[in-house]
Amino acid sequence: MFSRIEIKNYKSIRDANINLHGINILIGPNNSGKSNFLDFFAFYQSIFFMGVKDAFGPRPFQFRDVIFKGSDYWNNDIAGKFIYRSSKNKEIEHFFSIGNSVSTPKIFNLQVLKETLKLNNDNNVKVFNNENIFSINKLASKNVCLDDYVRGCRSIKKYQFSPKDIKKDGMIILE
């Protein structure tokens, strides 16, 4: 289960640090970032399983659509940190930063700029740089704890209800 998530420069979210527990409910006014928070999970999931190039394609226009509005997408990155507690009570911390890896004008090369992986609050942190796909995928088959993490990523689901879906008696009726 994911126990903490940190998001930086994603859509309307400049910087967010959120502790998660069992079932979480997001409540807030329109345009406050609830859907963007949930979309970040799908964003993470697509890069996790497809890689950066396949998730975005070779051009920067799609990246421009997901980086924090008003940011210079040529020079800023999107970053995230997921902290996951496995079924065996092991903790996995996965940090990543995605952005343009080239400083030359008019050349845009979207990559995972930095990725760190920390297991069980260990001081030994694995660091990967300039990859197309999260390196955690390469390690998952060799580590049961990471395999549990991969299954956790695959199980991320988004459920969204509008007020008309909720009736007075507390029953949820989907139309």
N, C-alpha and C. Protein backbone atom coordinates (compact mmCIF):
# COMPACT_ATOMS: atom_id res chain seq x y z
N MET A 1 0.83 -1.17 0.00
CA MET A 1 0.00 0.00 0.00
C MET A 1 0.89 1.25 0.00
N PHE A 2 0.50 2.22 -0.78
CA PHE A 2 1.24 3.48 -0.80
C PHE A 2 0.95 4.24 0.49
N SER A 3 2.00 4.69 1.17
CA SER A 3 1.80 5.38 2.44
C SER A 3 2.10 6.88 2.33
N ARG A 4 2.81 7.29 1.30
CA ARG A 4 3.14 8.71 1.12
C ARG A 4 3.42 8.98 -0.34
N ILE A 5 3.01 10.17 -0.79
CA ILE A 5 3.32 10.60 -2.15
C ILE A 5 3.72 12.06 -2.12
N GLU A 6 4.73 12.38 -2.90
CA GLU A 6 5.17 13.77 -3.06
C GLU A 6 5.14 14.07 -4.56
N ILE A 7 4.60 15.23 -4.90
CA ILE A 7 4.47 15.63 -6.30
C ILE A 7 5.03 17.03 -6.46
N LYS A 8 5.80 17.23 -7.52
CA LYS A 8 6.36 18.55 -7.80
C LYS A 8 6.18 18.86 -9.29
N ASN A 9 5.59 20.02 -9.58
CA ASN A 9 5.45 20.55 -10.94
C ASN A 9 4.59 19.70 -11.87
N TYR A 10 3.50 19.17 -11.37
CA TYR A 10 2.60 18.38 -12.22
C TYR A 10 1.26 19.11 -12.36
N LYS A 11 0.94 19.49 -13.58
CA LYS A 11 -0.30 20.19 -13.92
C LYS A 11 -0.53 21.36 -12.96
N SER A 12 -1.61 21.33 -12.17
CA SER A 12 -1.90 22.45 -11.26
C SER A 12 -1.21 22.30 -9.91
N ILE A 13 -0.44 21.24 -9.72
CA ILE A 13 0.19 20.97 -8.42
C ILE A 13 1.65 21.43 -8.47
N ARG A 14 1.95 22.48 -7.74
CA ARG A 14 3.31 22.99 -7.68
C ARG A 14 4.17 22.12 -6.76
N ASP A 15 3.62 21.82 -5.58
CA ASP A 15 4.36 21.01 -4.61
C ASP A 15 3.35 20.44 -3.61
N ALA A 16 3.29 19.12 -3.50
CA ALA A 16 2.36 18.48 -2.58
C ALA A 16 3.04 17.30 -1.89
N ASN A 17 2.81 17.18 -0.60
CA ASN A 17 3.30 16.07 0.22
C ASN A 17 2.10 15.52 0.98
N ILE A 18 1.70 14.29 0.67
CA ILE A 18 0.47 13.75 1.23
C ILE A 18 0.72 12.36 1.81
N ASN A 19 0.28 12.17 3.06
CA ASN A 19 0.31 10.85 3.68
C ASN A 19 -0.97 10.13 3.31
N LEU A 20 -0.85 8.87 2.93
CA LEU A 20 -2.01 8.07 2.53
C LEU A 20 -2.26 6.96 3.53
N HIS A 21 -3.53 6.60 3.70
CA HIS A 21 -3.93 5.54 4.63
C HIS A 21 -5.06 4.75 3.98
N GLY A 22 -5.01 3.45 4.00
CA GLY A 22 -6.11 2.60 3.55
C GLY A 22 -6.94 3.17 2.44
N ILE A 23 -8.09 3.73 2.78
CA ILE A 23 -8.96 4.38 1.81
C ILE A 23 -8.84 5.88 2.01
N ASN A 24 -8.63 6.60 0.91
CA ASN A 24 -8.46 8.05 0.97
C ASN A 24 -9.54 8.72 0.14
N ILE A 25 -10.07 9.81 0.65
CA ILE A 25 -11.11 10.56 -0.05
C ILE A 25 -10.61 11.99 -0.24
N LEU A 26 -10.66 12.46 -1.47
CA LEU A 26 -10.26 13.84 -1.77
C LEU A 26 -11.52 14.69 -1.89
N ILE A 27 -11.58 15.75 -1.12
CA ILE A 27 -12.72 16.65 -1.15
C ILE A 27 -12.18 18.06 -1.33
N GLY A 28 -12.79 18.81 -2.22
CA GLY A 28 -12.37 20.19 -2.42
C GLY A 28 -13.18 20.85 -3.52
N PRO A 29 -13.04 22.16 -3.65
CA PRO A 29 -13.79 22.88 -4.67
C PRO A 29 -13.29 22.53 -6.08
N ASN A 30 -14.06 22.93 -7.07
CA ASN A 30 -13.64 22.72 -8.46
C ASN A 30 -12.29 23.38 -8.70
N ASN A 31 -11.50 22.77 -9.56
CA ASN A 31 -10.18 23.29 -9.96
C ASN A 31 -9.20 23.42 -8.80
N SER A 32 -9.32 22.56 -7.80
CA SER A 32 -8.37 22.61 -6.69
C SER A 32 -7.26 21.57 -6.81
N GLY A 33 -7.31 20.71 -7.85
CA GLY A 33 -6.24 19.76 -8.09
C GLY A 33 -6.55 18.31 -7.72
N LYS A 34 -7.79 18.02 -7.36
CA LYS A 34 -8.15 16.64 -6.97
C LYS A 34 -7.92 15.66 -8.12
N SER A 35 -8.43 15.98 -9.29
CA SER A 35 -8.28 15.09 -10.45
C SER A 35 -6.82 15.02 -10.89
N ASN A 36 -6.10 16.13 -10.80
CA ASN A 36 -4.69 16.12 -11.18
C ASN A 36 -3.87 15.25 -10.23
N PHE A 37 -4.24 15.24 -8.95
CA PHE A 37 -3.58 14.36 -7.99
C PHE A 37 -3.79 12.90 -8.40
N LEU A 38 -5.02 12.55 -8.73
CA LEU A 38 -5.32 11.17 -9.16
C LEU A 38 -4.67 10.85 -10.50
N ASP A 39 -4.64 11.84 -11.40
CA ASP A 39 -4.00 11.63 -12.71
C ASP A 39 -2.51 11.38 -12.57
N PHE A 40 -1.89 11.92 -11.51
CA PHE A 40 -0.46 11.70 -11.31
C PHE A 40 -0.15 10.22 -11.14
N PHE A 41 -1.08 9.49 -10.50
CA PHE A 41 -0.90 8.04 -10.37
C PHE A 41 -0.90 7.37 -11.74
N ALA A 42 -1.81 7.78 -12.62
CA ALA A 42 -1.86 7.22 -13.98
C ALA A 42 -0.61 7.61 -14.76
N PHE A 43 -0.15 8.84 -14.58
CA PHE A 43 1.07 9.32 -15.22
C PHE A 43 2.26 8.46 -14.79
N TYR A 44 2.37 8.25 -13.49
CA TYR A 44 3.44 7.41 -12.93
C TYR A 44 3.35 5.98 -13.48
N GLN A 45 2.14 5.46 -13.50
CA GLN A 45 1.91 4.10 -13.97
C GLN A 45 2.30 3.95 -15.44
N SER A 46 1.96 4.92 -16.28
CA SER A 46 2.29 4.80 -17.71
C SER A 46 3.80 4.87 -17.93
N ILE A 47 4.49 5.73 -17.21
CA ILE A 47 5.95 5.79 -17.36
C ILE A 47 6.59 4.54 -16.76
N PHE A 48 6.04 4.07 -15.67
CA PHE A 48 6.56 2.88 -15.00
C PHE A 48 6.56 1.68 -15.94
N PHE A 49 5.47 1.51 -16.69
CA PHE A 49 5.34 0.31 -17.51
C PHE A 49 5.68 0.52 -18.98
N MET A 50 5.60 1.75 -19.49
CA MET A 50 5.85 1.98 -20.92
C MET A 50 7.17 2.69 -21.19
N GLY A 51 7.67 3.44 -20.24
CA GLY A 51 8.85 4.25 -20.47
C GLY A 51 8.45 5.66 -20.88
N VAL A 52 9.39 6.58 -20.75
CA VAL A 52 9.11 7.99 -21.02
C VAL A 52 8.78 8.23 -22.48
N LYS A 53 9.56 7.68 -23.37
CA LYS A 53 9.37 7.94 -24.81
C LYS A 53 8.01 7.45 -25.29
N ASP A 54 7.59 6.26 -24.86
CA ASP A 54 6.30 5.74 -25.28
C ASP A 54 5.14 6.46 -24.60
N ALA A 55 5.34 6.92 -23.39
CA ALA A 55 4.27 7.63 -22.67
C ALA A 55 4.03 9.02 -23.26
N PHE A 56 5.08 9.67 -23.73
CA PHE A 56 4.96 11.04 -24.25
C PHE A 56 5.17 11.16 -25.75
N GLY A 57 5.94 10.29 -26.34
CA GLY A 57 6.33 10.48 -27.73
C GLY A 57 7.58 11.35 -27.79
N PRO A 58 8.12 11.59 -28.99
CA PRO A 58 9.40 12.26 -29.12
C PRO A 58 9.35 13.78 -28.98
N ARG A 59 8.17 14.39 -28.97
CA ARG A 59 8.08 15.84 -29.00
C ARG A 59 7.70 16.40 -27.63
N PRO A 60 8.04 17.67 -27.37
CA PRO A 60 7.78 18.25 -26.05
C PRO A 60 6.35 18.71 -25.81
N PHE A 61 5.50 18.76 -26.84
CA PHE A 61 4.18 19.36 -26.65
C PHE A 61 3.35 18.62 -25.62
N GLN A 62 3.45 17.32 -25.51
CA GLN A 62 2.67 16.60 -24.51
C GLN A 62 3.24 16.83 -23.11
N PHE A 63 4.54 16.94 -23.00
CA PHE A 63 5.16 17.21 -21.71
C PHE A 63 4.72 18.60 -21.23
N ARG A 64 4.62 19.53 -22.15
CA ARG A 64 4.19 20.89 -21.82
C ARG A 64 2.78 20.88 -21.21
N ASP A 65 1.96 19.91 -21.61
CA ASP A 65 0.60 19.80 -21.09
C ASP A 65 0.52 19.28 -19.66
N VAL A 66 1.55 18.61 -19.19
CA VAL A 66 1.50 18.03 -17.84
C VAL A 66 2.41 18.71 -16.83
N ILE A 67 3.35 19.54 -17.30
CA ILE A 67 4.20 20.24 -16.34
C ILE A 67 3.41 21.40 -15.73
N PHE A 68 3.75 21.79 -14.52
CA PHE A 68 3.04 22.86 -13.81
C PHE A 68 2.87 24.07 -14.72
N LYS A 69 1.65 24.55 -14.79
CA LYS A 69 1.34 25.67 -15.68
C LYS A 69 2.18 26.89 -15.32
N GLY A 70 2.75 27.51 -16.33
CA GLY A 70 3.59 28.67 -16.11
C GLY A 70 5.07 28.31 -16.00
N SER A 71 5.39 27.02 -15.95
CA SER A 71 6.79 26.59 -15.85
C SER A 71 7.44 26.59 -17.22
N ASP A 72 8.71 26.77 -17.23
CA ASP A 72 9.49 26.65 -18.46
C ASP A 72 9.78 25.18 -18.66
N TYR A 73 9.01 24.53 -19.54
CA TYR A 73 9.15 23.08 -19.71
C TYR A 73 10.49 22.68 -20.31
N TRP A 74 11.22 23.62 -20.89
CA TRP A 74 12.55 23.29 -21.42
C TRP A 74 13.55 23.10 -20.30
N ASN A 75 13.34 23.81 -19.18
CA ASN A 75 14.35 23.81 -18.12
C ASN A 75 13.87 23.26 -16.77
N ASN A 76 12.58 23.00 -16.62
CA ASN A 76 12.06 22.47 -15.36
C ASN A 76 11.69 21.01 -15.52
N ASP A 77 11.52 20.35 -14.40
CA ASP A 77 11.20 18.93 -14.43
C ASP A 77 9.96 18.64 -13.58
N ILE A 78 9.42 17.46 -13.78
CA ILE A 78 8.35 16.94 -12.94
C ILE A 78 9.02 15.91 -12.02
N ALA A 79 8.70 15.99 -10.75
CA ALA A 79 9.31 15.05 -9.80
C ALA A 79 8.24 14.42 -8.94
N GLY A 80 8.53 13.23 -8.49
CA GLY A 80 7.60 12.54 -7.61
C GLY A 80 8.33 11.58 -6.70
N LYS A 81 7.73 11.31 -5.57
CA LYS A 81 8.27 10.31 -4.65
C LYS A 81 7.10 9.49 -4.14
N PHE A 82 7.23 8.18 -4.27
CA PHE A 82 6.25 7.25 -3.74
C PHE A 82 6.89 6.45 -2.63
N ILE A 83 6.21 6.38 -1.50
CA ILE A 83 6.67 5.51 -0.41
C ILE A 83 5.61 4.43 -0.27
N TYR A 84 6.06 3.20 -0.32
CA TYR A 84 5.18 2.04 -0.38
C TYR A 84 5.54 1.07 0.73
N ARG A 85 4.53 0.58 1.43
CA ARG A 85 4.75 -0.45 2.44
C ARG A 85 4.18 -1.75 1.88
N SER A 86 5.06 -2.73 1.69
CA SER A 86 4.66 -3.99 1.07
C SER A 86 3.88 -4.87 2.04
N SER A 87 3.33 -5.94 1.50
CA SER A 87 2.57 -6.88 2.33
C SER A 87 3.46 -7.56 3.37
N LYS A 88 4.76 -7.56 3.15
CA LYS A 88 5.71 -8.13 4.09
C LYS A 88 6.28 -7.06 5.03
N ASN A 89 5.59 -5.90 5.07
CA ASN A 89 5.95 -4.78 5.93
C ASN A 89 7.34 -4.21 5.61
N LYS A 90 7.75 -4.30 4.38
CA LYS A 90 9.00 -3.70 3.92
C LYS A 90 8.66 -2.35 3.29
N GLU A 91 9.55 -1.38 3.45
CA GLU A 91 9.28 -0.05 2.89
C GLU A 91 10.15 0.20 1.66
N ILE A 92 9.52 0.73 0.63
CA ILE A 92 10.20 1.07 -0.61
C ILE A 92 9.97 2.55 -0.86
N GLU A 93 11.03 3.28 -1.13
CA GLU A 93 10.92 4.70 -1.47
C GLU A 93 11.45 4.88 -2.88
N HIS A 94 10.61 5.36 -3.77
CA HIS A 94 11.00 5.55 -5.17
C HIS A 94 10.84 7.02 -5.54
N PHE A 95 11.96 7.69 -5.83
CA PHE A 95 11.97 9.09 -6.25
C PHE A 95 12.34 9.14 -7.72
N PHE A 96 11.72 10.06 -8.46
CA PHE A 96 12.09 10.24 -9.86
C PHE A 96 11.92 11.69 -10.28
N SER A 97 12.66 12.08 -11.27
CA SER A 97 12.58 13.40 -11.87
C SER A 97 12.62 13.21 -13.38
N ILE A 98 11.65 13.82 -14.09
CA ILE A 98 11.55 13.68 -15.54
C ILE A 98 11.60 15.06 -16.17
N GLY A 99 12.42 15.21 -17.20
CA GLY A 99 12.51 16.50 -17.87
C GLY A 99 13.40 16.41 -19.09
N ASN A 100 13.76 17.58 -19.61
CA ASN A 100 14.62 17.68 -20.78
C ASN A 100 16.07 17.46 -20.36
N SER A 101 16.73 16.52 -21.00
CA SER A 101 18.11 16.19 -20.61
C SER A 101 19.16 16.94 -21.44
N VAL A 102 18.72 17.80 -22.36
CA VAL A 102 19.66 18.50 -23.24
C VAL A 102 19.54 20.00 -23.01
N SER A 103 20.67 20.68 -22.87
CA SER A 103 20.63 22.13 -22.65
C SER A 103 20.75 22.92 -23.95
N THR A 104 20.93 22.22 -25.08
CA THR A 104 21.04 22.88 -26.37
C THR A 104 19.67 23.40 -26.81
N PRO A 105 19.57 24.68 -27.21
CA PRO A 105 18.28 25.20 -27.67
C PRO A 105 17.74 24.40 -28.85
N LYS A 106 16.43 24.27 -28.91
CA LYS A 106 15.69 23.61 -29.98
C LYS A 106 15.88 22.09 -30.03
N ILE A 107 16.59 21.53 -29.06
CA ILE A 107 16.69 20.07 -28.96
C ILE A 107 16.04 19.67 -27.65
N PHE A 108 15.02 18.85 -27.74
CA PHE A 108 14.29 18.44 -26.55
C PHE A 108 14.39 16.93 -26.43
N ASN A 109 15.00 16.45 -25.36
CA ASN A 109 15.15 15.02 -25.14
C ASN A 109 14.60 14.68 -23.76
N LEU A 110 13.38 14.17 -23.75
CA LEU A 110 12.70 13.87 -22.50
C LEU A 110 13.21 12.54 -21.94
N GLN A 111 13.68 12.58 -20.68
CA GLN A 111 14.21 11.38 -20.03
C GLN A 111 13.93 11.41 -18.54
N VAL A 112 14.13 10.26 -17.91
CA VAL A 112 14.17 10.21 -16.46
C VAL A 112 15.53 10.80 -16.09
N LEU A 113 15.54 12.01 -15.55
CA LEU A 113 16.79 12.69 -15.25
C LEU A 113 17.49 12.06 -14.05
N LYS A 114 16.69 11.73 -13.04
CA LYS A 114 17.27 11.12 -11.84
C LYS A 114 16.24 10.18 -11.25
N GLU A 115 16.71 9.09 -10.72
CA GLU A 115 15.85 8.12 -10.08
C GLU A 115 16.61 7.52 -8.90
N THR A 116 15.96 7.47 -7.75
CA THR A 116 16.59 6.82 -6.60
C THR A 116 15.63 5.79 -6.03
N LEU A 117 16.20 4.76 -5.49
CA LEU A 117 15.44 3.67 -4.91
C LEU A 117 16.05 3.33 -3.56
N LYS A 118 15.22 3.35 -2.54
CA LYS A 118 15.68 3.08 -1.18
C LYS A 118 14.79 1.99 -0.61
N LEU A 119 15.40 0.94 -0.05
CA LEU A 119 14.65 -0.18 0.51
C LEU A 119 14.81 -0.23 2.02
N ASN A 120 13.68 -0.36 2.73
CA ASN A 120 13.66 -0.57 4.19
C ASN A 120 14.47 0.45 4.98
N ASN A 121 14.33 1.71 4.66
CA ASN A 121 15.05 2.79 5.36
C ASN A 121 16.56 2.55 5.39
N ASP A 122 17.04 1.83 4.40
CA ASP A 122 18.46 1.52 4.30
C ASP A 122 19.21 2.77 3.83
N ASN A 123 20.42 2.93 4.27
CA ASN A 123 21.24 4.05 3.81
C ASN A 123 21.79 3.82 2.42
N ASN A 124 21.74 2.57 1.94
CA ASN A 124 22.21 2.27 0.59
C ASN A 124 21.13 2.64 -0.41
N VAL A 125 21.34 3.70 -1.14
CA VAL A 125 20.37 4.19 -2.11
C VAL A 125 20.92 3.93 -3.50
N LYS A 126 20.12 3.27 -4.33
CA LYS A 126 20.52 3.04 -5.71
C LYS A 126 20.12 4.27 -6.52
N VAL A 127 21.04 4.81 -7.32
CA VAL A 127 20.77 6.00 -8.12
C VAL A 127 20.96 5.66 -9.59
N PHE A 128 20.00 6.07 -10.39
CA PHE A 128 20.04 5.85 -11.83
C PHE A 128 19.86 7.21 -12.50
N ASN A 129 20.51 7.43 -13.61
CA ASN A 129 20.40 8.71 -14.31
C ASN A 129 20.20 8.49 -15.81
N ASN A 130 19.50 9.43 -16.41
CA ASN A 130 19.32 9.51 -17.87
C ASN A 130 18.89 8.18 -18.50
N GLU A 131 17.76 7.74 -18.09
CA GLU A 131 17.17 6.51 -18.62
C GLU A 131 15.87 6.86 -19.34
N ASN A 132 15.37 5.92 -20.13
CA ASN A 132 14.07 6.09 -20.77
C ASN A 132 12.98 5.45 -19.92
N ILE A 133 13.33 4.43 -19.16
CA ILE A 133 12.35 3.72 -18.36
C ILE A 133 12.84 3.66 -16.92
N PHE A 134 11.91 3.57 -15.99
CA PHE A 134 12.32 3.46 -14.59
C PHE A 134 13.16 2.21 -14.39
N SER A 135 14.30 2.36 -13.77
CA SER A 135 15.21 1.25 -13.52
C SER A 135 14.66 0.27 -12.51
N ILE A 136 13.69 0.70 -11.73
CA ILE A 136 13.08 -0.19 -10.75
C ILE A 136 12.51 -1.43 -11.45
N ASN A 137 12.07 -1.28 -12.69
CA ASN A 137 11.55 -2.42 -13.45
C ASN A 137 12.60 -3.50 -13.65
N LYS A 138 13.84 -3.08 -13.86
CA LYS A 138 14.93 -4.03 -14.08
C LYS A 138 15.24 -4.83 -12.81
N LEU A 139 14.98 -4.23 -11.66
CA LEU A 139 15.32 -4.86 -10.40
C LEU A 139 14.19 -5.71 -9.83
N ALA A 140 12.97 -5.48 -10.30
CA ALA A 140 11.79 -6.13 -9.69
C ALA A 140 11.85 -7.64 -9.75
N SER A 141 12.33 -8.19 -10.86
CA SER A 141 12.35 -9.65 -10.99
C SER A 141 13.35 -10.30 -10.03
N LYS A 142 14.30 -9.52 -9.52
CA LYS A 142 15.33 -10.05 -8.62
C LYS A 142 15.00 -9.85 -7.15
N ASN A 143 13.89 -9.15 -6.85
CA ASN A 143 13.60 -8.79 -5.48
C ASN A 143 12.09 -8.94 -5.23
N VAL A 144 11.72 -9.81 -4.32
CA VAL A 144 10.31 -10.08 -4.04
C VAL A 144 9.60 -8.82 -3.57
N CYS A 145 10.26 -8.02 -2.75
CA CYS A 145 9.68 -6.79 -2.23
C CYS A 145 9.34 -5.84 -3.39
N LEU A 146 10.22 -5.71 -4.36
CA LEU A 146 9.97 -4.85 -5.51
C LEU A 146 8.87 -5.42 -6.40
N ASP A 147 8.79 -6.72 -6.48
CA ASP A 147 7.73 -7.35 -7.26
C ASP A 147 6.37 -6.98 -6.67
N ASP A 148 6.28 -6.95 -5.36
CA ASP A 148 5.06 -6.53 -4.66
C ASP A 148 4.73 -5.07 -5.01
N TYR A 149 5.75 -4.24 -5.10
CA TYR A 149 5.58 -2.83 -5.47
C TYR A 149 5.01 -2.70 -6.88
N VAL A 150 5.55 -3.49 -7.81
CA VAL A 150 5.08 -3.47 -9.20
C VAL A 150 3.60 -3.87 -9.25
N ARG A 151 3.23 -4.91 -8.50
CA ARG A 151 1.81 -5.29 -8.44
C ARG A 151 0.96 -4.17 -7.86
N GLY A 152 1.49 -3.46 -6.87
CA GLY A 152 0.79 -2.32 -6.29
C GLY A 152 0.56 -1.22 -7.30
N CYS A 153 1.56 -0.97 -8.15
CA CYS A 153 1.43 0.05 -9.20
C CYS A 153 0.38 -0.35 -10.23
N ARG A 154 0.32 -1.63 -10.54
CA ARG A 154 -0.67 -2.10 -11.52
C ARG A 154 -2.09 -2.02 -10.97
N SER A 155 -2.23 -2.01 -9.65
CA SER A 155 -3.57 -2.05 -9.07
C SER A 155 -4.14 -0.66 -8.80
N ILE A 156 -3.43 0.40 -9.17
CA ILE A 156 -3.93 1.75 -8.93
C ILE A 156 -5.19 1.97 -9.76
N LYS A 157 -6.24 2.40 -9.10
CA LYS A 157 -7.51 2.65 -9.77
C LYS A 157 -8.03 4.01 -9.34
N LYS A 158 -8.77 4.63 -10.23
CA LYS A 158 -9.37 5.93 -9.94
C LYS A 158 -10.88 5.77 -9.96
N TYR A 159 -11.52 6.10 -8.85
CA TYR A 159 -12.97 6.09 -8.77
C TYR A 159 -13.42 7.52 -8.50
N GLN A 160 -14.34 7.97 -9.30
CA GLN A 160 -14.79 9.34 -9.14
C GLN A 160 -16.32 9.37 -9.15
N PHE A 161 -16.89 10.00 -8.15
CA PHE A 161 -18.34 10.10 -8.04
C PHE A 161 -18.73 11.57 -8.06
N SER A 162 -19.82 11.87 -8.73
CA SER A 162 -20.35 13.22 -8.69
C SER A 162 -21.47 13.25 -7.66
N PRO A 163 -21.85 14.44 -7.18
CA PRO A 163 -22.92 14.51 -6.17
C PRO A 163 -24.22 13.82 -6.59
N LYS A 164 -24.54 13.78 -7.88
CA LYS A 164 -25.78 13.14 -8.31
C LYS A 164 -25.72 11.62 -8.14
N ASP A 165 -24.50 11.06 -8.01
CA ASP A 165 -24.35 9.62 -7.81
C ASP A 165 -24.62 9.20 -6.37
N ILE A 166 -24.66 10.14 -5.45
CA ILE A 166 -24.83 9.83 -4.03
C ILE A 166 -26.26 10.21 -3.62
N LYS A 167 -26.99 9.26 -3.12
CA LYS A 167 -28.38 9.49 -2.72
C LYS A 167 -28.47 9.78 -1.23
N LYS A 168 -29.63 10.27 -0.77
CA LYS A 168 -29.82 10.68 0.63
C LYS A 168 -29.54 9.58 1.64
N ASP A 169 -29.90 8.36 1.33
CA ASP A 169 -29.77 7.29 2.30
C ASP A 169 -28.35 6.75 2.42
N GLY A 170 -27.40 7.39 1.75
CA GLY A 170 -26.01 6.98 1.85
C GLY A 170 -25.61 5.91 0.85
N MET A 171 -26.56 5.40 0.08
CA MET A 171 -26.26 4.39 -0.93
C MET A 171 -25.68 5.08 -2.16
N ILE A 172 -24.72 4.46 -2.76
CA ILE A 172 -24.15 5.01 -3.99
C ILE A 172 -24.80 4.29 -5.16
N ILE A 173 -25.42 5.08 -6.01
CA ILE A 173 -26.09 4.54 -7.19
C ILE A 173 -25.37 5.11 -8.40
N LEU A 174 -24.80 4.27 -9.21
CA LEU A 174 -24.12 4.74 -10.43
C LEU A 174 -25.10 4.67 -11.58
N GLU A 175 -25.27 5.79 -12.26
CA GLU A 175 -26.21 5.83 -13.38
C GLU A 175 -25.47 5.71 -14.69
